[in-house]
Every structure is written in C-alpha cells, then in structure tokens.
Protein backbone atom coordinates (compact mmCIF):
# COMPACT_ATOMS: atom_id res chain seq x y z
CA UNK A 1 22.43 4.02 -15.86
CA UNK A 2 25.79 2.34 -15.23
CA UNK A 3 27.36 2.60 -11.79
CA UNK A 4 31.02 3.56 -11.70
CA UNK A 5 33.03 3.93 -8.53
CA UNK A 6 36.02 6.23 -7.98
CA UNK A 7 38.98 4.11 -9.15
CA UNK A 8 41.21 5.54 -6.42
CA UNK A 9 38.93 4.66 -3.51
CA UNK A 10 36.49 2.10 -4.86
CA UNK A 11 33.66 4.24 -3.44
CA UNK A 12 30.69 6.01 -4.94
CA UNK A 13 30.21 9.46 -3.45
CA UNK A 14 26.62 8.69 -2.53
CA UNK A 15 23.61 6.46 -3.07
CA UNK A 16 19.88 6.58 -2.42
CA UNK A 17 17.72 4.03 -0.67
CA UNK A 18 14.08 4.28 -1.73
CA UNK A 19 11.97 2.80 1.06
CA UNK A 20 8.60 1.28 0.24
CA UNK A 21 6.18 -0.36 2.62
CA UNK A 22 6.27 -3.82 1.09
CA UNK A 23 3.36 -5.99 0.06
CA UNK A 24 2.31 -9.60 -0.33
CA UNK A 25 1.48 -8.57 -3.89
CA UNK A 26 4.70 -8.76 -5.87
CA UNK A 27 3.20 -6.38 -8.40
CA UNK A 28 3.23 -3.62 -5.76
CA UNK A 29 6.84 -4.39 -4.84
CA UNK A 30 7.85 -4.22 -8.50
CA UNK A 31 6.32 -0.76 -8.66
CA UNK A 32 8.73 0.41 -5.95
CA UNK A 33 11.67 -1.11 -7.82
CA UNK A 34 10.51 0.51 -11.05
CA UNK A 35 10.40 3.91 -9.37
CA UNK A 36 13.85 3.29 -7.88
CA UNK A 37 15.30 2.58 -11.33
CA UNK A 38 13.62 5.66 -12.80
CA UNK A 39 14.84 7.84 -9.91
CA UNK A 40 18.40 6.62 -10.50
CA UNK A 41 18.09 7.75 -14.10
CA UNK A 42 16.71 11.10 -12.93
CA UNK A 43 19.21 12.04 -10.21
CA UNK A 44 22.33 10.35 -11.58
CA UNK A 45 23.37 8.38 -8.49
CA UNK A 46 22.73 4.73 -7.57
CA UNK A 47 19.24 4.09 -6.19
CA UNK A 48 18.22 0.81 -4.56
CA UNK A 49 14.85 -0.21 -3.16
CA UNK A 50 14.25 -1.51 0.37
CA UNK A 51 11.09 -2.44 2.24
CA UNK A 52 9.73 -1.95 5.72
CA UNK A 53 8.11 -5.38 5.79
CA UNK A 54 6.53 -8.18 3.75
CA UNK A 55 9.10 -7.95 0.95
CA UNK A 56 12.83 -8.23 0.32
CA UNK A 57 15.28 -6.69 0.75
CA UNK A 58 14.55 -5.27 4.18
CA UNK A 59 15.93 -1.83 5.02
CA UNK A 60 18.89 -3.28 6.98
CA UNK A 61 19.71 -5.73 4.18
CA UNK A 62 19.51 -3.01 1.53
CA UNK A 63 21.77 -0.72 3.57
CA UNK A 64 24.24 -3.59 4.18
CA UNK A 65 24.46 -4.05 0.40
CA UNK A 66 25.03 -0.35 -0.30
CA UNK A 67 27.25 0.66 2.62
CA UNK A 68 30.55 -1.03 1.63
CA UNK A 69 30.89 1.04 -1.54
CA UNK A 70 29.46 4.48 -0.71
CA UNK A 71 30.27 7.35 1.60
CA UNK A 72 26.75 8.79 1.93
CA UNK A 73 23.29 7.22 1.82
CA UNK A 74 20.13 9.30 1.54
CA UNK A 75 16.99 7.48 2.60
CA UNK A 76 13.97 8.61 0.58
CA UNK A 77 10.55 7.45 1.69
CA UNK A 78 7.87 6.30 -0.74
CA UNK A 79 5.10 7.01 1.76
CA UNK A 80 2.16 9.25 0.98
CA UNK A 81 1.81 10.55 4.53
CA UNK A 82 3.84 10.89 7.71
CA UNK A 83 2.44 8.36 10.15
CA UNK A 84 4.16 5.81 12.38
CA UNK A 85 6.29 4.21 9.64
CA UNK A 86 7.75 7.57 8.62
CA UNK A 87 8.05 8.99 12.13
CA UNK A 88 9.20 5.88 13.98
CA UNK A 89 10.10 2.79 11.96
CA UNK A 90 12.36 4.32 9.32
CA UNK A 91 14.28 6.55 11.80
CA UNK A 92 14.79 3.50 14.02
CA UNK A 93 16.23 1.51 11.11
CA UNK A 94 18.52 4.38 10.13
CA UNK A 95 19.76 4.82 13.70
CA UNK A 96 20.71 1.15 13.73
CA UNK A 97 22.45 1.58 10.38
CA UNK A 98 24.48 4.49 11.77
CA UNK A 99 25.62 2.22 14.57
CA UNK A 100 26.51 -0.66 12.23
CA UNK A 101 28.08 1.49 9.47
CA UNK A 102 29.79 4.35 11.28
CA UNK A 103 31.90 5.14 8.22
CA UNK A 104 28.81 6.09 6.18
CA UNK A 105 26.92 9.36 6.47
CA UNK A 106 23.14 8.85 6.54
CA UNK A 107 20.41 11.40 5.84
CA UNK A 108 16.66 10.80 5.95
CA UNK A 109 14.17 12.44 3.62
CA UNK A 110 10.56 13.29 4.15
CA UNK A 111 7.48 11.46 2.91
CA UNK A 112 5.82 12.45 -0.39
CA UNK A 113 3.37 14.72 1.41
CA UNK A 114 1.83 17.78 -0.23
CA UNK A 115 3.60 18.78 -3.45
CA UNK A 116 2.56 20.70 -6.60
CA UNK A 117 3.39 17.73 -8.84
CA UNK A 118 0.95 15.54 -6.91
CA UNK A 119 -1.82 18.12 -7.25
CA UNK A 120 -1.17 18.22 -10.99
CA UNK A 121 -1.26 14.42 -11.14
CA UNK A 122 -4.57 14.26 -9.27
CA UNK A 123 -6.01 16.87 -11.62
CA UNK A 124 -5.12 14.67 -14.60
CA UNK A 125 -6.59 11.58 -12.92
CA UNK A 126 -9.86 13.48 -12.45
CA UNK A 127 -9.82 14.72 -16.04
CA UNK A 128 -9.47 11.14 -17.29
CA UNK A 129 -12.63 10.13 -15.40
CA UNK A 130 -14.49 13.18 -16.72
CA UNK A 131 -13.60 12.13 -20.26
CA UNK A 132 -14.84 8.62 -19.52
CA UNK A 133 -18.15 9.96 -18.21
CA UNK A 134 -18.52 12.54 -20.98
CA UNK A 135 -18.68 15.54 -18.65
CA UNK A 136 -16.70 18.77 -18.49
CA UNK A 137 -16.14 20.59 -15.20
CA UNK A 138 -16.24 23.91 -17.07
CA UNK A 139 -19.84 23.27 -18.09
CA UNK A 140 -21.11 20.57 -15.70
CA UNK A 141 -21.15 20.30 -11.92
CA UNK A 142 -18.38 17.81 -11.19
CA UNK A 143 -17.67 16.84 -7.58
CA UNK A 144 -14.58 14.95 -6.43
CA UNK A 145 -14.13 12.55 -3.52
CA UNK A 146 -10.40 12.30 -2.75
CA UNK A 147 -10.15 8.96 -0.99
CA UNK A 148 -7.18 7.90 1.12
CA UNK A 149 -6.68 4.83 3.26
CA UNK A 150 -7.01 6.65 6.59
CA UNK A 151 -4.62 6.69 9.52
CA UNK A 152 -4.55 6.81 13.31
CA UNK A 153 -2.24 9.81 12.94
CA UNK A 154 -4.09 13.16 12.78
CA UNK A 155 -1.24 14.76 10.81
CA UNK A 156 -1.61 12.22 8.03
CA UNK A 157 -5.37 12.64 7.85
CA UNK A 158 -5.00 16.43 7.85
CA UNK A 159 -2.78 16.22 4.76
CA UNK A 160 -5.63 14.53 2.87
CA UNK A 161 -7.85 17.50 3.62
CA UNK A 162 -5.11 19.90 2.55
CA UNK A 163 -4.64 18.05 -0.75
CA UNK A 164 -8.40 18.14 -1.33
CA UNK A 165 -8.51 21.88 -0.76
CA UNK A 166 -5.53 22.54 -3.02
CA UNK A 167 -7.10 20.41 -5.75
CA UNK A 168 -10.25 22.51 -5.44
CA UNK A 169 -8.52 25.91 -5.48
CA UNK A 170 -8.26 27.44 -8.95
CA UNK A 171 -10.21 24.65 -10.61
CA UNK A 172 -13.83 24.45 -11.64
CA UNK A 173 -14.97 21.51 -9.54
CA UNK A 174 -18.23 22.06 -7.71
CA UNK A 175 -16.57 20.54 -4.61
CA UNK A 176 -13.62 18.38 -3.57
CA UNK A 177 -14.15 16.33 -0.41
CA UNK A 178 -11.54 14.41 1.59
CA UNK A 179 -12.65 10.92 2.58
CA UNK A 180 -11.29 7.54 3.71
CA UNK A 181 -11.81 3.81 3.21
CA UNK A 182 -10.67 2.76 6.67
CA UNK A 183 -9.51 3.65 10.18
CA UNK A 184 -11.07 7.12 10.32
CA UNK A 185 -13.99 9.24 9.10
CA UNK A 186 -15.65 10.45 6.99
CA UNK A 187 -16.01 7.15 5.17
CA UNK A 188 -16.28 7.02 1.40
CA UNK A 189 -19.89 5.78 1.61
CA UNK A 190 -20.93 8.70 3.81
CA UNK A 191 -19.08 11.20 1.63
CA UNK A 192 -20.66 9.94 -1.60
CA UNK A 193 -24.15 10.05 -0.09
CA UNK A 194 -23.47 13.58 1.16
CA UNK A 195 -22.29 14.70 -2.27
CA UNK A 196 -25.44 13.23 -3.85
CA UNK A 197 -27.53 15.73 -1.89
CA UNK A 198 -25.83 18.50 -3.88
CA UNK A 199 -27.18 16.85 -7.06
CA UNK A 200 -24.03 17.30 -9.18
CA UNK A 201 -23.90 16.06 -12.74
CA UNK A 202 -21.01 13.72 -11.96
CA UNK A 203 -18.92 12.42 -9.08
CA UNK A 204 -15.27 11.46 -9.51
CA UNK A 205 -13.75 9.24 -6.83
CA UNK A 206 -9.97 9.51 -6.79
CA UNK A 207 -8.13 6.73 -4.90
CA UNK A 208 -5.17 8.47 -3.29
CA UNK A 209 -2.98 5.38 -3.24
CA UNK A 210 0.19 4.27 -4.98
CA UNK A 211 -0.69 0.75 -6.12
CA UNK A 212 -3.74 -0.84 -7.66
CA UNK A 213 -4.84 -3.41 -5.10
CA UNK A 214 -7.39 -4.15 -2.41
CA UNK A 215 -8.10 -0.55 -1.44
CA UNK A 216 -8.43 0.78 -4.98
CA UNK A 217 -10.85 -2.04 -5.80
CA UNK A 218 -12.82 -1.08 -2.72
CA UNK A 219 -13.03 2.52 -3.97
CA UNK A 220 -14.21 1.34 -7.40
CA UNK A 221 -16.79 -1.02 -5.91
CA UNK A 222 -18.22 1.62 -3.56
CA UNK A 223 -18.38 4.16 -6.38
CA UNK A 224 -20.13 1.70 -8.71
CA UNK A 225 -22.69 0.92 -5.99
CA UNK A 226 -23.23 4.65 -5.50
CA UNK A 227 -23.78 5.18 -9.24
CA UNK A 228 -26.41 2.42 -9.25
CA UNK A 229 -28.17 3.88 -6.21
CA UNK A 230 -28.26 7.44 -7.61
CA UNK A 231 -29.08 7.13 -11.32
CA UNK A 232 -29.32 10.91 -11.69
CA UNK A 233 -25.57 11.23 -10.94
CA UNK A 234 -22.82 9.83 -13.15
CA UNK A 235 -20.10 8.31 -10.99
CA UNK A 236 -16.80 6.55 -11.60
CA UNK A 237 -13.46 6.01 -9.89
CA UNK A 238 -10.08 6.99 -11.24
CA UNK A 239 -6.70 5.28 -11.25
CA UNK A 240 -4.18 5.34 -8.40
CA UNK A 241 -0.91 7.28 -8.67
CA UNK A 242 0.99 4.28 -10.02
CA UNK A 243 4.46 5.03 -11.35
CA UNK A 244 3.64 8.34 -12.99
CA UNK A 245 6.79 10.31 -13.78
CA UNK A 246 5.58 13.23 -11.67
CA UNK A 247 6.27 11.14 -8.58
CA UNK A 248 9.92 11.35 -9.60
CA UNK A 249 9.71 15.15 -9.32
CA UNK A 250 8.60 14.74 -5.71
CA UNK A 251 11.14 12.03 -4.88
CA UNK A 252 13.98 14.05 -6.42
CA UNK A 253 13.01 17.05 -4.29
CA UNK A 254 12.86 14.87 -1.15
CA UNK A 255 16.33 13.51 -2.01
CA UNK A 256 17.78 17.00 -2.38
CA UNK A 257 16.22 18.04 0.93
CA UNK A 258 17.70 15.01 2.68
CA UNK A 259 21.25 15.38 1.35
CA UNK A 260 21.34 19.12 2.06
CA UNK A 261 19.86 18.88 5.56
CA UNK A 262 16.77 20.92 4.69
CA UNK A 263 14.04 18.40 5.54
CA UNK A 264 10.93 19.97 7.04
CA UNK A 265 8.63 17.77 9.11
CA UNK A 266 5.65 18.82 11.20
CA UNK A 267 6.38 18.81 14.93
CA UNK A 268 3.83 21.32 16.19
CA UNK A 269 0.97 18.90 15.44
CA UNK A 270 2.84 15.58 15.75
CA UNK A 271 1.12 13.35 18.27
CA UNK A 272 4.48 11.90 19.29
CA UNK A 273 5.90 15.35 20.13
CA UNK A 274 3.02 17.31 21.65
CA UNK A 275 -0.07 16.48 23.65
CA UNK A 276 -3.14 16.45 21.43
CA UNK A 277 -6.68 15.90 22.66
CA UNK A 278 -7.56 12.25 22.25
CA UNK A 279 -3.95 11.21 21.62
CA UNK A 280 -2.43 11.86 25.04
CA UNK A 281 -1.14 8.31 25.38
CA UNK A 282 0.88 8.61 22.19
CA UNK A 283 2.99 11.56 23.31
CA UNK A 284 6.62 10.79 24.07
CA UNK A 285 9.39 9.61 21.78
CA UNK A 286 10.35 6.69 24.03
CA UNK A 287 6.87 5.16 23.92
CA UNK A 288 6.67 5.60 20.15
CA UNK A 289 10.08 3.98 19.67
CA UNK A 290 9.10 1.07 21.90
CA UNK A 291 6.01 0.48 19.76
CA UNK A 292 8.19 0.57 16.63
CA UNK A 293 10.59 -1.98 18.12
CA UNK A 294 7.73 -4.28 19.11
CA UNK A 295 6.20 -3.98 15.63
CA UNK A 296 9.47 -4.86 13.92
CA UNK A 297 10.15 -7.81 16.21
CA UNK A 298 6.70 -9.23 15.45
CA UNK A 299 7.68 -9.42 11.80
CA UNK A 300 11.25 -10.52 12.38
CA UNK A 301 10.00 -13.75 14.00
CA UNK A 302 8.28 -14.81 10.78
CA UNK A 303 10.38 -16.31 8.01
CA UNK A 304 7.45 -16.82 5.63
CA UNK A 305 5.58 -13.64 4.68
CA UNK A 306 2.41 -15.70 4.22
CA UNK A 307 2.45 -16.30 8.00
CA UNK A 308 3.06 -12.67 8.81
CA UNK A 309 0.69 -11.17 11.42
CA UNK A 310 0.41 -7.86 9.57
CA UNK A 311 -3.19 -6.69 9.54
CA UNK A 312 -3.11 -3.23 7.90
CA UNK A 313 -5.15 -4.39 4.93
CA UNK A 314 -6.97 -7.64 5.63
CA UNK A 315 -7.38 -9.82 2.52
CA UNK A 316 -10.84 -10.24 1.03
CA UNK A 317 -10.75 -14.01 1.46
CA UNK A 318 -9.10 -16.48 3.79
CA UNK A 319 -8.44 -19.97 2.43
CA UNK A 320 -7.70 -22.75 4.91
CA UNK A 321 -6.16 -26.00 3.68
CA UNK A 322 -6.33 -29.02 5.98
CA UNK A 323 -2.85 -30.49 6.39
CA UNK A 324 -3.76 -32.95 9.12
CA UNK A 325 -2.83 -36.64 8.78
CA UNK A 326 -5.55 -37.92 6.42
CA UNK A 327 -5.58 -34.90 4.09
CA UNK A 328 -1.80 -34.79 4.12
CA UNK A 329 -1.68 -38.39 2.92
CA UNK A 330 -4.01 -37.39 0.05
CA UNK A 331 -1.63 -34.62 -1.10
CA UNK A 332 -2.89 -31.49 0.69
CA UNK A 333 0.66 -30.08 0.99
CA UNK A 334 0.90 -29.90 -2.81
CA UNK A 335 -2.55 -28.29 -2.96
CA UNK A 336 -1.48 -25.68 -0.38
CA UNK A 337 1.61 -24.71 -2.35
CA UNK A 338 -0.25 -24.65 -5.68
CA UNK A 339 -2.91 -22.34 -4.19
CA UNK A 340 -0.24 -19.98 -2.88
CA UNK A 341 1.54 -19.93 -6.23
CA UNK A 342 -1.67 -19.28 -8.18
CA UNK A 343 -2.63 -16.42 -5.84
CA UNK A 344 0.84 -14.88 -6.23
CA UNK A 345 0.50 -15.07 -10.01
CA UNK A 346 -3.03 -13.64 -10.05
CA UNK A 347 -3.72 -9.96 -10.63
CA UNK A 348 -7.22 -10.28 -9.16
CA UNK A 349 -7.15 -12.68 -6.21
CA UNK A 350 -6.82 -11.08 -2.80
CA UNK A 351 -6.56 -14.01 -0.43
CA UNK A 352 -4.45 -15.37 2.35
CA UNK A 353 -3.70 -19.09 2.09
CA UNK A 354 -2.97 -20.86 5.38
CA UNK A 355 -2.71 -24.43 6.60
CA UNK A 356 -5.22 -25.70 9.18
CA UNK A 357 -5.60 -28.68 11.46
CA UNK A 358 -8.39 -31.23 11.01
CA UNK A 359 -11.61 -29.83 9.52
CA UNK A 360 -13.62 -32.87 10.57
CA UNK A 361 -14.14 -34.28 7.08
CA UNK A 362 -11.58 -37.08 7.18
CA UNK A 363 -11.75 -39.30 4.10
CA UNK A 364 -13.26 -36.56 1.92
CA UNK A 365 -10.09 -34.53 1.51
CA UNK A 366 -7.92 -32.81 0.78
CA UNK A 367 -10.27 -30.18 2.24
CA UNK A 368 -10.11 -26.49 1.32
CA UNK A 369 -12.35 -23.94 3.07
CA UNK A 370 -12.91 -20.45 1.64
CA UNK A 371 -14.07 -17.69 3.98
CA UNK A 372 -15.99 -15.43 4.47
CA UNK A 373 -17.96 -17.30 1.78
CA UNK A 374 -18.26 -20.46 3.90
CA UNK A 375 -17.58 -22.74 0.93
CA UNK A 376 -15.79 -26.02 1.61
CA UNK A 377 -14.22 -27.96 -1.24
CA UNK A 378 -13.49 -31.68 -0.93
CA UNK A 379 -11.24 -34.07 -2.79
CA UNK A 380 -9.22 -31.12 -4.06
CA UNK A 381 -6.37 -32.03 -6.37
CA UNK A 382 -3.40 -30.05 -7.58
CA UNK A 383 -5.18 -28.98 -10.79
CA UNK A 384 -8.31 -28.03 -8.82
CA UNK A 385 -6.26 -25.42 -6.96
CA UNK A 386 -5.87 -23.42 -10.16
CA UNK A 387 -9.64 -23.51 -10.72
CA UNK A 388 -10.37 -22.37 -7.17
CA UNK A 389 -8.15 -19.32 -7.70
CA UNK A 390 -9.14 -18.43 -11.27
CA UNK A 391 -12.85 -18.92 -10.70
CA UNK A 392 -13.70 -18.48 -7.01
CA UNK A 393 -10.98 -16.12 -5.76
CA UNK A 394 -10.66 -14.09 -8.97
CA UNK A 395 -14.32 -13.88 -10.03
CA UNK A 396 -16.43 -15.08 -7.07
CA UNK A 397 -17.68 -18.07 -9.07
CA UNK A 398 -17.91 -21.23 -7.00
CA UNK A 399 -16.34 -24.37 -8.51
CA UNK A 400 -19.49 -26.42 -8.06
CA UNK A 401 -18.25 -29.91 -8.98
CA UNK A 402 -15.84 -30.08 -6.01
CA UNK A 403 -18.05 -28.39 -3.38
CA UNK A 404 -18.27 -30.54 -0.25
CA UNK A 405 -20.59 -28.26 1.74
CA UNK A 406 -21.53 -24.64 2.28
CA UNK A 407 -21.94 -23.00 5.66
C-alpha cells in the first residue's frame, strides 16, 4: 500500500517494526520482509522489517529510518517463543531507541506464542502429510511429533508442550508429542522411537519453525531414517510455517495488543523474574541485561556476517580456504569469494566459508578443505568453486578430479 503522511505535520500517526532474528540465508530474511509487506497491507499502517543480528537493517537502523516521520512505533516480534531475544535483546534495543528518539512513543508486542491461528495452521500441515502418506486420522492411528528447536528457557519449551496438547484436543490423532532437535529433551530421535512402540499406522513429524533451512532438513532426515528403521510405520515430515497468511492473524493481534498496552507476558514462570530450580543463576534483570549487552557487542564488532561468532545453528559443513602467501599468489582470494557467492545463491548448501592460514600443501594450491568430511581439494580454480558447492556442498558428491587428499 502507498504511504501518505499528514500534509500539515509531515508525520504518519504510527508505524510497525517487524523484528526477525536474521539469518545468513538471505531466503530466510526475505521471508521476514515478505511478512512485513503483507502485514502492512493487513493493518493499513507502514510496516518495516528489522533484524536482531546477521542481517540488515539492524533494529537501531530500522528505527532510525522510521522515527523521523512517525509519532508512534509498535515493535512486533516474529519469534515463536519468548526466550532471551524476546525478554532481553529486543527490550534493550527499544530502551535505547526511547533514549535516542524521545519524541516517538514506542510500544513492544509479544512473541507469536500460543494462538488459535497457529493451531489451525499446524492442523493443516499435518493433514497435508496424511494425504501424502494415504492415511486418514479418522480411520487410522496417526501420531504427531511436534518438533521445535529447543531452548534454554523453560517457558519457551513449555509452550511447545502446550501447543502439542492443544493440537491433540478435539482432533482424532492417536497422540501428539512435543519434541526438540537441539538444546533440550526429549530429542526427536527418542520421541520417534517411543511413538513406534505404540505401533501407529503413521507418524507425522511437524517442524515448528518459520523457515525451511538447516533445522527443517534435520527433521526430515531423522524422520526418513525412522521410516526406514520401522517399515511397519509410515512416516514423513511436514512443511514449516513459512509465510502462511494465518501468521498475519497472529501478528495483527500482537500489534493491537502492543499499541493498546494490553500485552500479556509470563512473569510467574520467567527464569529472569523468579527463582526456578536449576535456573537460579539466571534470576535477576540486571544479570540478564548484562548478558544481552555482551551478546550484542560480540556481533557489533564484526562487520562481515560470515565472520560472525553466532553459534545458534552450526552449519553442516565448514570450508576453509588457504589464503597464505603461495595460495594467495595462485588466486585463492577469488576462489574464497566465489565459494561464498555460490553458497549464498544455493538453496541447499549449508556451509560456512572462512579463510585459513597455511594448510601445509604449498605449491599444490589454492587449497580448499571441507569439514567434517575431511576432503581437501588442490589446484582449485574460480570455476571449480561452483562445482564444489553444487556437487559437494549441495549433494554430498565429492568432486573427484580435484581431490588432493582425504583425512
């Protein structure tokens, strides 16, 4: 929609900042921007996207762009659960914005959380897998594993269990189990093996994630391995939430809550507010804010996101390119940049490309080492970089004619 300011003041009444996490995968960042544009169409006020890290614009930069022409900014969070980013990092950024833009009124919305539209969306994702497997929950025993990333925050993990229970209630699934692919338990592997003991006709694994990336592939891979191991159970994984229009229902509600001051966040079970068994060291707003400041400063020191120390989701492969004297003279800098560009353009490759010092193969370079596979390529040229990505990183097929050694 077009943006028109009040001709008398030059100001919009209000705007929305949709905050996403940010990713090295530009496809994931575009998803946030797509949702921002759709939300603008839905609510009828300007909506811009900003990111916590790894992508541009940052929250401060996005606010700096909006603030000169609006009187009120509502910050809406594209986060599935309320963990440290929602409870610490975003409030810290908004407090700084209030200091820097005292003429603007700021309000902060809640995370996506538990919402009827999300339950409905998960139900449809499960139904799509049932259709693919040729089963019907009304006639067959269909079990669901609702799989989230996992968090160190007990509130966030508890919401997964609540979503699983709400998905089960009123529907004809034989069971719906909450499970995780990292950080906490039960793991997806353990959950799938436990479900197999019930001998259902089919198992549907639902990745409770926004984008289709490393974690969703992990869910699909684990589910495929499970289906091979238990031939008497049909198993398949569904799609992530993506940019389904029902997310706009949730975001619009969170926007209304923010601008009307009716945001409800859990405090009674927040590890930063009360003492919980096993999380005693986390209690206290000052300590939590200090951790948030330290986290942000760690990223602020890095100009290149490829050198960012973020380790939430480690890439599947690490590619080291020797840029020491001999390899550099043979053109390794061009190889490094071509590899990075090819990985950015790939929908399949999940790799971090970094420069390294001497790999001890002087005269055989440029050298490129791919881990954890332990494959070293020698004499790599600019065109070979494309083959390494399209074959090895995309499909796990070694480019044999340029292999120097394997470890």
